Amino acid sequence: MRLARINVRRHVVPILLGIAFLVGAPGLLRADADRCPDALITAAVKARLMADDVTSALKINVETDACVVTLKGCVGSRSQAKRARNLARKAKGVKDVESHLTVCSEGSDKE
């Protein structure tokens, strides 16, 4: 029996964006100009990381507070960490990116 290959990026990214919209929707409906849609920013950054061939979204934790994105976790190289920061900066609504990414060997479980 042959198992079908699932394109994770094609299926997971829309789900993450949908969940983020549902979580952030009540805040988006208010007419509060100072409100920052943190859940939407987090989802957008995760989607960018997942869609990128260089970064590994599964090892990078993304948190957003007051439009400031914090990246934590393991990456394979400093260039991957730089790429993740740049991708996060490009997401709509991001004011700043703090990186707490560490370079870990492939066999490391550090997060």
PDB file of N, CA and C in Angstrom:
ATOM      1  N   MET A   1       0.846  -1.178   0.000  1.00  0.00           N
ATOM      2  CA  MET A   1       0.000   0.000   0.000  1.00  0.00           C
ATOM      3  C   MET A   1       0.889   1.236   0.000  1.00  0.00           C
ATOM      4  N   ARG A   2       0.590   2.139  -0.844  1.00  0.00           N
ATOM      5  CA  ARG A   2       1.387   3.353  -0.958  1.00  0.00           C
ATOM      6  C   ARG A   2       0.695   4.485  -0.203  1.00  0.00           C
ATOM      7  N   LEU A   3       1.445   5.140   0.677  1.00  0.00           N
ATOM      8  CA  LEU A   3       0.897   6.245   1.452  1.00  0.00           C
ATOM      9  C   LEU A   3       1.013   7.545   0.673  1.00  0.00           C
ATOM     10  N   ALA A   4      -0.020   8.338   0.746  1.00  0.00           N
ATOM     11  CA  ALA A   4      -0.004   9.630   0.067  1.00  0.00           C
ATOM     12  C   ALA A   4       0.889  10.598   0.830  1.00  0.00           C
ATOM     13  N   ARG A   5       1.690  11.344   0.106  1.00  0.00           N
ATOM     14  CA  ARG A   5       2.536  12.358   0.736  1.00  0.00           C
ATOM     15  C   ARG A   5       1.706  13.607   0.943  1.00  0.00           C
ATOM     16  N   ILE A   6       1.789  14.155   2.141  1.00  0.00           N
ATOM     17  CA  ILE A   6       1.042  15.367   2.466  1.00  0.00           C
ATOM     18  C   ILE A   6       1.999  16.549   2.409  1.00  0.00           C
ATOM     19  N   ASN A   7       1.614  17.560   1.694  1.00  0.00           N
ATOM     20  CA  ASN A   7       2.393  18.783   1.632  1.00  0.00           C
ATOM     21  C   ASN A   7       2.046  19.606   2.867  1.00  0.00           C
ATOM     22  N   VAL A   8       2.923  19.545   3.880  1.00  0.00           N
ATOM     23  CA  VAL A   8       2.659  20.186   5.166  1.00  0.00           C
ATOM     24  C   VAL A   8       2.443  21.675   5.001  1.00  0.00           C
ATOM     25  N   ARG A   9       3.250  22.303   4.207  1.00  0.00           N
ATOM     26  CA  ARG A   9       3.131  23.753   4.028  1.00  0.00           C
ATOM     27  C   ARG A   9       1.778  24.137   3.444  1.00  0.00           C
ATOM     28  N   ARG A  10       1.311  23.336   2.525  1.00  0.00           N
ATOM     29  CA  ARG A  10       0.054  23.660   1.863  1.00  0.00           C
ATOM     30  C   ARG A  10      -1.149  23.461   2.787  1.00  0.00           C
ATOM     31  N   HIS A  11      -1.047  22.529   3.722  1.00  0.00           N
ATOM     32  CA  HIS A  11      -2.175  22.230   4.584  1.00  0.00           C
ATOM     33  C   HIS A  11      -2.105  22.921   5.945  1.00  0.00           C
ATOM     34  N   VAL A  12      -0.940  23.029   6.518  1.00  0.00           N
ATOM     35  CA  VAL A  12      -0.809  23.558   7.876  1.00  0.00           C
ATOM     36  C   VAL A  12      -0.868  25.085   7.900  1.00  0.00           C
ATOM     37  N   VAL A  13      -0.251  25.741   6.956  1.00  0.00           N
ATOM     38  CA  VAL A  13      -0.209  27.209   6.950  1.00  0.00           C
ATOM     39  C   VAL A  13      -1.609  27.814   6.928  1.00  0.00           C
ATOM     40  N   PRO A  14      -2.514  27.372   6.053  1.00  0.00           N
ATOM     41  CA  PRO A  14      -3.860  27.957   6.093  1.00  0.00           C
ATOM     42  C   PRO A  14      -4.587  27.680   7.410  1.00  0.00           C
ATOM     43  N   ILE A  15      -4.343  26.520   7.993  1.00  0.00           N
ATOM     44  CA  ILE A  15      -4.965  26.201   9.280  1.00  0.00           C
ATOM     45  C   ILE A  15      -4.463  27.148  10.355  1.00  0.00           C
ATOM     46  N   LEU A  16      -3.141  27.387  10.406  1.00  0.00           N
ATOM     47  CA  LEU A  16      -2.582  28.310  11.387  1.00  0.00           C
ATOM     48  C   LEU A  16      -3.140  29.721  11.205  1.00  0.00           C
ATOM     49  N   LEU A  17      -3.235  30.161   9.974  1.00  0.00           N
ATOM     50  CA  LEU A  17      -3.775  31.495   9.718  1.00  0.00           C
ATOM     51  C   LEU A  17      -5.242  31.579  10.116  1.00  0.00           C
ATOM     52  N   GLY A  18      -6.001  30.516   9.868  1.00  0.00           N
ATOM     53  CA  GLY A  18      -7.407  30.491  10.258  1.00  0.00           C
ATOM     54  C   GLY A  18      -7.579  30.547  11.764  1.00  0.00           C
ATOM     55  N   ILE A  19      -6.777  29.769  12.481  1.00  0.00           N
ATOM     56  CA  ILE A  19      -6.838  29.783  13.947  1.00  0.00           C
ATOM     57  C   ILE A  19      -6.456  31.159  14.468  1.00  0.00           C
ATOM     58  N   ALA A  20      -5.404  31.726  13.911  1.00  0.00           N
ATOM     59  CA  ALA A  20      -4.967  33.050  14.360  1.00  0.00           C
ATOM     60  C   ALA A  20      -6.046  34.094  14.122  1.00  0.00           C
ATOM     61  N   PHE A  21      -6.748  33.974  12.987  1.00  0.00           N
ATOM     62  CA  PHE A  21      -7.818  34.934  12.719  1.00  0.00           C
ATOM     63  C   PHE A  21      -8.930  34.788  13.744  1.00  0.00           C
ATOM     64  N   LEU A  22      -9.305  33.549  14.035  1.00  0.00           N
ATOM     65  CA  LEU A  22     -10.374  33.331  15.006  1.00  0.00           C
ATOM     66  C   LEU A  22      -9.991  33.835  16.393  1.00  0.00           C
ATOM     67  N   VAL A  23      -8.743  33.634  16.772  1.00  0.00           N
ATOM     68  CA  VAL A  23      -8.281  34.097  18.080  1.00  0.00           C
ATOM     69  C   VAL A  23      -8.185  35.618  18.104  1.00  0.00           C
ATOM     70  N   GLY A  24      -7.720  36.195  17.029  1.00  0.00           N
ATOM     71  CA  GLY A  24      -7.514  37.640  16.997  1.00  0.00           C
ATOM     72  C   GLY A  24      -8.711  38.435  16.510  1.00  0.00           C
ATOM     73  N   ALA A  25      -9.734  37.770  15.979  1.00  0.00           N
ATOM     74  CA  ALA A  25     -10.879  38.464  15.399  1.00  0.00           C
ATOM     75  C   ALA A  25     -11.598  39.398  16.362  1.00  0.00           C
ATOM     76  N   PRO A  26     -11.872  39.006  17.623  1.00  0.00           N
ATOM     77  CA  PRO A  26     -12.564  39.941  18.507  1.00  0.00           C
ATOM     78  C   PRO A  26     -11.824  41.266  18.670  1.00  0.00           C
ATOM     79  N   GLY A  27     -10.511  41.206  18.754  1.00  0.00           N
ATOM     80  CA  GLY A  27      -9.725  42.426  18.882  1.00  0.00           C
ATOM     81  C   GLY A  27      -9.700  43.237  17.598  1.00  0.00           C
ATOM     82  N   LEU A  28      -9.786  42.563  16.468  1.00  0.00           N
ATOM     83  CA  LEU A  28      -9.765  43.265  15.194  1.00  0.00           C
ATOM     84  C   LEU A  28     -11.082  43.983  14.927  1.00  0.00           C
ATOM     85  N   LEU A  29     -12.155  43.480  15.503  1.00  0.00           N
ATOM     86  CA  LEU A  29     -13.450  44.092  15.272  1.00  0.00           C
ATOM     87  C   LEU A  29     -13.632  45.377  16.066  1.00  0.00           C
ATOM     88  N   ARG A  30     -12.850  45.559  17.126  1.00  0.00           N
ATOM     89  CA  ARG A  30     -12.939  46.791  17.915  1.00  0.00           C
ATOM     90  C   ARG A  30     -12.275  47.934  17.164  1.00  0.00           C
ATOM     91  N   ALA A  31     -12.722  49.128  17.406  1.00  0.00           N
ATOM     92  CA  ALA A  31     -12.154  50.297  16.736  1.00  0.00           C
ATOM     93  C   ALA A  31     -11.057  50.911  17.595  1.00  0.00           C
ATOM     94  N   ASP A  32     -10.206  50.078  18.142  1.00  0.00           N
ATOM     95  CA  ASP A  32      -9.128  50.544  19.006  1.00  0.00           C
ATOM     96  C   ASP A  32      -7.848  50.609  18.181  1.00  0.00           C
ATOM     97  N   ALA A  33      -7.419  51.816  17.841  1.00  0.00           N
ATOM     98  CA  ALA A  33      -6.253  51.993  16.969  1.00  0.00           C
ATOM     99  C   ALA A  33      -4.959  51.531  17.623  1.00  0.00           C
ATOM    100  N   ASP A  34      -4.901  51.500  18.960  1.00  0.00           N
ATOM    101  CA  ASP A  34      -3.683  51.098  19.644  1.00  0.00           C
ATOM    102  C   ASP A  34      -3.556  49.583  19.770  1.00  0.00           C
ATOM    103  N   ARG A  35      -4.606  48.859  19.452  1.00  0.00           N
ATOM    104  CA  ARG A  35      -4.586  47.400  19.609  1.00  0.00           C
ATOM    105  C   ARG A  35      -3.705  46.779  18.524  1.00  0.00           C
ATOM    106  N   CYS A  36      -2.880  45.868  18.948  1.00  0.00           N
ATOM    107  CA  CYS A  36      -1.983  45.183  18.026  1.00  0.00           C
ATOM    108  C   CYS A  36      -2.470  43.746  17.863  1.00  0.00           C
ATOM    109  N   PRO A  37      -2.684  43.273  16.657  1.00  0.00           N
ATOM    110  CA  PRO A  37      -3.170  41.907  16.442  1.00  0.00           C
ATOM    111  C   PRO A  37      -2.041  40.884  16.592  1.00  0.00           C
ATOM    112  N   ASP A  38      -1.609  40.654  17.833  1.00  0.00           N
ATOM    113  CA  ASP A  38      -0.466  39.775  18.087  1.00  0.00           C
ATOM    114  C   ASP A  38      -0.660  38.371  17.517  1.00  0.00           C
ATOM    115  N   ALA A  39      -1.856  37.814  17.646  1.00  0.00           N
ATOM    116  CA  ALA A  39      -2.093  36.460  17.149  1.00  0.00           C
ATOM    117  C   ALA A  39      -1.920  36.389  15.633  1.00  0.00           C
ATOM    118  N   LEU A  40      -2.373  37.399  14.939  1.00  0.00           N
ATOM    119  CA  LEU A  40      -2.215  37.421  13.484  1.00  0.00           C
ATOM    120  C   LEU A  40      -0.757  37.580  13.083  1.00  0.00           C
ATOM    121  N   ILE A  41      -0.026  38.396  13.821  1.00  0.00           N
ATOM    122  CA  ILE A  41       1.400  38.574  13.528  1.00  0.00           C
ATOM    123  C   ILE A  41       2.141  37.261  13.758  1.00  0.00           C
ATOM    124  N   THR A  42       1.844  36.590  14.877  1.00  0.00           N
ATOM    125  CA  THR A  42       2.489  35.301  15.168  1.00  0.00           C
ATOM    126  C   THR A  42       2.215  34.309  14.048  1.00  0.00           C
ATOM    127  N   ALA A  43       0.973  34.216  13.616  1.00  0.00           N
ATOM    128  CA  ALA A  43       0.615  33.292  12.539  1.00  0.00           C
ATOM    129  C   ALA A  43       1.310  33.662  11.232  1.00  0.00           C
ATOM    130  N   ALA A  44       1.393  34.948  10.944  1.00  0.00           N
ATOM    131  CA  ALA A  44       2.043  35.385   9.709  1.00  0.00           C
ATOM    132  C   ALA A  44       3.535  35.045   9.717  1.00  0.00           C
ATOM    133  N   VAL A  45       4.181  35.241  10.865  1.00  0.00           N
ATOM    134  CA  VAL A  45       5.609  34.916  10.970  1.00  0.00           C
ATOM    135  C   VAL A  45       5.809  33.410  10.835  1.00  0.00           C
ATOM    136  N   LYS A  46       4.986  32.608  11.538  1.00  0.00           N
ATOM    137  CA  LYS A  46       5.101  31.151  11.435  1.00  0.00           C
ATOM    138  C   LYS A  46       4.878  30.684   9.999  1.00  0.00           C
ATOM    139  N   ALA A  47       3.896  31.281   9.331  1.00  0.00           N
ATOM    140  CA  ALA A  47       3.628  30.910   7.943  1.00  0.00           C
ATOM    141  C   ALA A  47       4.828  31.227   7.053  1.00  0.00           C
ATOM    142  N   ARG A  48       5.446  32.378   7.266  1.00  0.00           N
ATOM    143  CA  ARG A  48       6.637  32.744   6.481  1.00  0.00           C
ATOM    144  C   ARG A  48       7.775  31.756   6.736  1.00  0.00           C
ATOM    145  N   LEU A  49       7.980  31.384   8.006  1.00  0.00           N
ATOM    146  CA  LEU A  49       9.046  30.450   8.338  1.00  0.00           C
ATOM    147  C   LEU A  49       8.776  29.073   7.736  1.00  0.00           C
ATOM    148  N   MET A  50       7.521  28.633   7.785  1.00  0.00           N
ATOM    149  CA  MET A  50       7.177  27.321   7.232  1.00  0.00           C
ATOM    150  C   MET A  50       7.298  27.286   5.720  1.00  0.00           C
ATOM    151  N   ALA A  51       6.993  28.387   5.077  1.00  0.00           N
ATOM    152  CA  ALA A  51       7.039  28.427   3.617  1.00  0.00           C
ATOM    153  C   ALA A  51       8.453  28.565   3.078  1.00  0.00           C
ATOM    154  N   ASP A  52       9.392  28.928   3.932  1.00  0.00           N
ATOM    155  CA  ASP A  52      10.770  29.147   3.508  1.00  0.00           C
ATOM    156  C   ASP A  52      11.548  27.841   3.538  1.00  0.00           C
ATOM    157  N   ASP A  53      12.358  27.609   2.511  1.00  0.00           N
ATOM    158  CA  ASP A  53      13.147  26.386   2.442  1.00  0.00           C
ATOM    159  C   ASP A  53      14.361  26.403   3.364  1.00  0.00           C
ATOM    160  N   VAL A  54      14.795  27.572   3.781  1.00  0.00           N
ATOM    161  CA  VAL A  54      16.015  27.684   4.578  1.00  0.00           C
ATOM    162  C   VAL A  54      15.741  27.475   6.071  1.00  0.00           C
ATOM    163  N   THR A  55      14.667  28.030   6.568  1.00  0.00           N
ATOM    164  CA  THR A  55      14.394  27.966   8.009  1.00  0.00           C
ATOM    165  C   THR A  55      13.584  26.733   8.370  1.00  0.00           C
ATOM    166  N   SER A  56      13.684  26.343   9.613  1.00  0.00           N
ATOM    167  CA  SER A  56      12.946  25.188  10.106  1.00  0.00           C
ATOM    168  C   SER A  56      11.923  25.657  11.125  1.00  0.00           C
ATOM    169  N   ALA A  57      10.681  25.823  10.691  1.00  0.00           N
ATOM    170  CA  ALA A  57       9.627  26.349  11.563  1.00  0.00           C
ATOM    171  C   ALA A  57       9.339  25.417  12.730  1.00  0.00           C
ATOM    172  N   LEU A  58       9.626  24.169  12.594  1.00  0.00           N
ATOM    173  CA  LEU A  58       9.302  23.228  13.662  1.00  0.00           C
ATOM    174  C   LEU A  58      10.190  23.403  14.887  1.00  0.00           C
ATOM    175  N   LYS A  59      11.337  24.035  14.732  1.00  0.00           N
ATOM    176  CA  LYS A  59      12.253  24.233  15.854  1.00  0.00           C
ATOM    177  C   LYS A  59      12.301  25.681  16.327  1.00  0.00           C
ATOM    178  N   ILE A  60      11.476  26.526  15.756  1.00  0.00           N
ATOM    179  CA  ILE A  60      11.478  27.938  16.130  1.00  0.00           C
ATOM    180  C   ILE A  60      10.137  28.294  16.766  1.00  0.00           C
ATOM    181  N   ASN A  61      10.202  28.778  17.993  1.00  0.00           N
ATOM    182  CA  ASN A  61       9.011  29.231  18.700  1.00  0.00           C
ATOM    183  C   ASN A  61       8.847  30.722  18.434  1.00  0.00           C
ATOM    184  N   VAL A  62       7.641  31.124  18.060  1.00  0.00           N
ATOM    185  CA  VAL A  62       7.349  32.519  17.748  1.00  0.00           C
ATOM    186  C   VAL A  62       6.344  33.044  18.765  1.00  0.00           C
ATOM    187  N   GLU A  63       6.699  34.129  19.442  1.00  0.00           N
ATOM    188  CA  GLU A  63       5.798  34.791  20.377  1.00  0.00           C
ATOM    189  C   GLU A  63       5.724  36.260  19.996  1.00  0.00           C
ATOM    190  N   THR A  64       4.545  36.850  20.169  1.00  0.00           N
ATOM    191  CA  THR A  64       4.371  38.262  19.842  1.00  0.00           C
ATOM    192  C   THR A  64       3.702  38.960  21.010  1.00  0.00           C
ATOM    193  N   ASP A  65       4.272  40.088  21.408  1.00  0.00           N
ATOM    194  CA  ASP A  65       3.693  40.902  22.475  1.00  0.00           C
ATOM    195  C   ASP A  65       3.836  42.363  22.068  1.00  0.00           C
ATOM    196  N   ALA A  66       2.704  43.038  21.950  1.00  0.00           N
ATOM    197  CA  ALA A  66       2.682  44.451  21.548  1.00  0.00           C
ATOM    198  C   ALA A  66       3.435  44.673  20.237  1.00  0.00           C
ATOM    199  N   CYS A  67       3.196  43.787  19.283  1.00  0.00           N
ATOM    200  CA  CYS A  67       3.778  43.850  17.933  1.00  0.00           C
ATOM    201  C   CYS A  67       5.285  43.603  17.897  1.00  0.00           C
ATOM    202  N   VAL A  68       5.860  43.138  18.996  1.00  0.00           N
ATOM    203  CA  VAL A  68       7.275  42.770  19.034  1.00  0.00           C
ATOM    204  C   VAL A  68       7.361  41.250  19.009  1.00  0.00           C
ATOM    205  N   VAL A  69       8.016  40.725  17.989  1.00  0.00           N
ATOM    206  CA  VAL A  69       8.137  39.284  17.798  1.00  0.00           C
ATOM    207  C   VAL A  69       9.403  38.791  18.482  1.00  0.00           C
ATOM    208  N   THR A  70       9.276  37.693  19.235  1.00  0.00           N
ATOM    209  CA  THR A  70      10.418  37.049  19.863  1.00  0.00           C
ATOM    210  C   THR A  70      10.560  35.652  19.274  1.00  0.00           C
ATOM    211  N   LEU A  71      11.758  35.359  18.766  1.00  0.00           N
ATOM    212  CA  LEU A  71      12.060  34.047  18.199  1.00  0.00           C
ATOM    213  C   LEU A  71      12.948  33.287  19.178  1.00  0.00           C
ATOM    214  N   LYS A  72      12.556  32.050  19.491  1.00  0.00           N
ATOM    215  CA  LYS A  72      13.343  31.202  20.386  1.00  0.00           C
ATOM    216  C   LYS A  72      13.456  29.825  19.758  1.00  0.00           C
ATOM    217  N   GLY A  73      14.553  29.145  20.065  1.00  0.00           N
ATOM    218  CA  GLY A  73      14.706  27.784  19.592  1.00  0.00           C
ATOM    219  C   GLY A  73      16.050  27.540  18.941  1.00  0.00           C
ATOM    220  N   CYS A  74      16.099  26.445  18.203  1.00  0.00           N
ATOM    221  CA  CYS A  74      17.343  25.996  17.578  1.00  0.00           C
ATOM    222  C   CYS A  74      17.280  26.142  16.061  1.00  0.00           C
ATOM    223  N   VAL A  75      18.399  26.535  15.506  1.00  0.00           N
ATOM    224  CA  VAL A  75      18.571  26.583  14.058  1.00  0.00           C
ATOM    225  C   VAL A  75      19.888  25.899  13.731  1.00  0.00           C
ATOM    226  N   GLY A  76      20.064  25.571  12.459  1.00  0.00           N
ATOM    227  CA  GLY A  76      21.258  24.854  12.055  1.00  0.00           C
ATOM    228  C   GLY A  76      22.503  25.713  11.881  1.00  0.00           C
ATOM    229  N   SER A  77      22.308  27.021  11.663  1.00  0.00           N
ATOM    230  CA  SER A  77      23.462  27.891  11.436  1.00  0.00           C
ATOM    231  C   SER A  77      23.091  29.339  11.743  1.00  0.00           C
ATOM    232  N   ARG A  78      24.119  30.189  11.814  1.00  0.00           N
ATOM    233  CA  ARG A  78      23.871  31.617  12.047  1.00  0.00           C
ATOM    234  C   ARG A  78      23.141  32.237  10.864  1.00  0.00           C
ATOM    235  N   SER A  79      23.404  31.738   9.668  1.00  0.00           N
ATOM    236  CA  SER A  79      22.706  32.272   8.496  1.00  0.00           C
ATOM    237  C   SER A  79      21.216  31.932   8.544  1.00  0.00           C
ATOM    238  N   GLN A  80      20.856  30.766   9.102  1.00  0.00           N
ATOM    239  CA  GLN A  80      19.445  30.429   9.264  1.00  0.00           C
ATOM    240  C   GLN A  80      18.795  31.351  10.292  1.00  0.00           C
ATOM    241  N   ALA A  81      19.511  31.673  11.361  1.00  0.00           N
ATOM    242  CA  ALA A  81      18.988  32.589  12.381  1.00  0.00           C
ATOM    243  C   ALA A  81      18.751  33.970  11.765  1.00  0.00           C
ATOM    244  N   LYS A  82      19.696  34.415  10.958  1.00  0.00           N
ATOM    245  CA  LYS A  82      19.559  35.718  10.299  1.00  0.00           C
ATOM    246  C   LYS A  82      18.383  35.702   9.335  1.00  0.00           C
ATOM    247  N   ARG A  83      18.231  34.613   8.603  1.00  0.00           N
ATOM    248  CA  ARG A  83      17.123  34.474   7.649  1.00  0.00           C
ATOM    249  C   ARG A  83      15.778  34.504   8.394  1.00  0.00           C
ATOM    250  N   ALA A  84      15.690  33.811   9.534  1.00  0.00           N
ATOM    251  CA  ALA A  84      14.457  33.795  10.325  1.00  0.00           C
ATOM    252  C   ALA A  84      14.115  35.200  10.829  1.00  0.00           C
ATOM    253  N   ARG A  85      15.116  35.934  11.311  1.00  0.00           N
ATOM    254  CA  ARG A  85      14.881  37.317  11.768  1.00  0.00           C
ATOM    255  C   ARG A  85      14.367  38.192  10.625  1.00  0.00           C
ATOM    256  N   ASN A  86      15.000  38.063   9.454  1.00  0.00           N
ATOM    257  CA  ASN A  86      14.589  38.873   8.308  1.00  0.00           C
ATOM    258  C   ASN A  86      13.170  38.535   7.860  1.00  0.00           C
ATOM    259  N   LEU A  87      12.819  37.247   7.861  1.00  0.00           N
ATOM    260  CA  LEU A  87      11.463  36.853   7.489  1.00  0.00           C
ATOM    261  C   LEU A  87      10.450  37.405   8.484  1.00  0.00           C
ATOM    262  N   ALA A  88      10.783  37.361   9.769  1.00  0.00           N
ATOM    263  CA  ALA A  88       9.875  37.870  10.798  1.00  0.00           C
ATOM    264  C   ALA A  88       9.679  39.379  10.639  1.00  0.00           C
ATOM    265  N   ARG A  89      10.739  40.092  10.329  1.00  0.00           N
ATOM    266  CA  ARG A  89      10.647  41.554  10.160  1.00  0.00           C
ATOM    267  C   ARG A  89       9.713  41.944   9.016  1.00  0.00           C
ATOM    268  N   LYS A  90       9.622  41.082   7.997  1.00  0.00           N
ATOM    269  CA  LYS A  90       8.823  41.398   6.816  1.00  0.00           C
ATOM    270  C   LYS A  90       7.326  41.186   7.030  1.00  0.00           C
ATOM    271  N   ALA A  91       6.941  40.507   8.104  1.00  0.00           N
ATOM    272  CA  ALA A  91       5.518  40.263   8.345  1.00  0.00           C
ATOM    273  C   ALA A  91       4.817  41.576   8.674  1.00  0.00           C
ATOM    274  N   LYS A  92       3.620  41.727   8.188  1.00  0.00           N
ATOM    275  CA  LYS A  92       2.853  42.956   8.376  1.00  0.00           C
ATOM    276  C   LYS A  92       2.549  43.180   9.857  1.00  0.00           C
ATOM    277  N   GLY A  93       2.810  44.406  10.325  1.00  0.00           N
ATOM    278  CA  GLY A  93       2.489  44.785  11.692  1.00  0.00           C
ATOM    279  C   GLY A  93       3.623  44.624  12.686  1.00  0.00           C
ATOM    280  N   VAL A  94       4.729  44.021  12.279  1.00  0.00           N
ATOM    281  CA  VAL A  94       5.854  43.788  13.190  1.00  0.00           C
ATOM    282  C   VAL A  94       6.598  45.103  13.422  1.00  0.00           C
ATOM    283  N   LYS A  95       6.745  45.470  14.702  1.00  0.00           N
ATOM    284  CA  LYS A  95       7.487  46.684  15.057  1.00  0.00           C
ATOM    285  C   LYS A  95       8.959  46.380  15.296  1.00  0.00           C
ATOM    286  N   ASP A  96       9.240  45.209  15.885  1.00  0.00           N
ATOM    287  CA  ASP A  96      10.619  44.836  16.191  1.00  0.00           C
ATOM    288  C   ASP A  96      10.703  43.321  16.310  1.00  0.00           C
ATOM    289  N   VAL A  97      11.913  42.776  16.175  1.00  0.00           N
ATOM    290  CA  VAL A  97      12.146  41.336  16.314  1.00  0.00           C
ATOM    291  C   VAL A  97      13.280  41.127  17.294  1.00  0.00           C
ATOM    292  N   GLU A  98      13.020  40.328  18.325  1.00  0.00           N
ATOM    293  CA  GLU A  98      14.058  39.927  19.272  1.00  0.00           C
ATOM    294  C   GLU A  98      14.384  38.467  18.990  1.00  0.00           C
ATOM    295  N   SER A  99      15.653  38.175  18.810  1.00  0.00           N
ATOM    296  CA  SER A  99      16.056  36.810  18.503  1.00  0.00           C
ATOM    297  C   SER A  99      16.797  36.184  19.679  1.00  0.00           C
ATOM    298  N   HIS A 100      16.260  35.069  20.138  1.00  0.00           N
ATOM    299  CA  HIS A 100      16.919  34.258  21.155  1.00  0.00           C
ATOM    300  C   HIS A 100      17.201  32.879  20.557  1.00  0.00           C
ATOM    301  N   LEU A 101      17.525  32.881  19.267  1.00  0.00           N
ATOM    302  CA  LEU A 101      17.814  31.638  18.559  1.00  0.00           C
ATOM    303  C   LEU A 101      19.243  31.190  18.848  1.00  0.00           C
ATOM    304  N   THR A 102      19.407  29.893  18.996  1.00  0.00           N
ATOM    305  CA  THR A 102      20.737  29.334  19.209  1.00  0.00           C
ATOM    306  C   THR A 102      21.051  28.353  18.088  1.00  0.00           C
ATOM    307  N   VAL A 103      22.320  28.251  17.752  1.00  0.00           N
ATOM    308  CA  VAL A 103      22.750  27.297  16.746  1.00  0.00           C
ATOM    309  C   VAL A 103      22.970  25.967  17.446  1.00  0.00           C
ATOM    310  N   CYS A 104      22.230  24.955  17.015  1.00  0.00           N
ATOM    311  CA  CYS A 104      22.289  23.627  17.631  1.00  0.00           C
ATOM    312  C   CYS A 104      22.665  22.607  16.569  1.00  0.00           C
ATOM    313  N   SER A 105      23.318  21.559  17.001  1.00  0.00           N
ATOM    314  CA  SER A 105      23.644  20.472  16.077  1.00  0.00           C
ATOM    315  C   SER A 105      22.349  19.731  15.734  1.00  0.00           C
ATOM    316  N   GLU A 106      22.367  18.952  14.658  1.00  0.00           N
ATOM    317  CA  GLU A 106      21.162  18.267  14.198  1.00  0.00           C
ATOM    318  C   GLU A 106      20.590  17.323  15.233  1.00  0.00           C
ATOM    319  N   GLY A 107      21.403  16.682  16.016  1.00  0.00           N
ATOM    320  CA  GLY A 107      20.943  15.714  16.996  1.00  0.00           C
ATOM    321  C   GLY A 107      20.491  16.324  18.306  1.00  0.00           C
ATOM    322  N   SER A 108      20.616  17.629  18.452  1.00  0.00           N
ATOM    323  CA  SER A 108      20.288  18.298  19.707  1.00  0.00           C
ATOM    324  C   SER A 108      18.790  18.467  19.855  1.00  0.00           C
ATOM    325  N   ASP A 109      18.283  18.286  21.068  1.00  0.00           N
ATOM    326  CA  ASP A 109      16.866  18.488  21.354  1.00  0.00           C
ATOM    327  C   ASP A 109      16.630  19.798  22.083  1.00  0.00           C
ATOM    328  N   LYS A 110      17.640  20.637  22.175  1.00  0.00           N
ATOM    329  CA  LYS A 110      17.516  21.901  22.903  1.00  0.00           C
ATOM    330  C   LYS A 110      16.510  22.802  22.211  1.00  0.00           C
ATOM    331  N   GLU A 111      15.645  23.453  22.977  1.00  0.00           N
ATOM    332  CA  GLU A 111      14.671  24.384  22.387  1.00  0.00           C
ATOM    333  C   GLU A 111      14.674  25.672  23.094  1.00  0.00           C
TER     334      GLU A 111
END
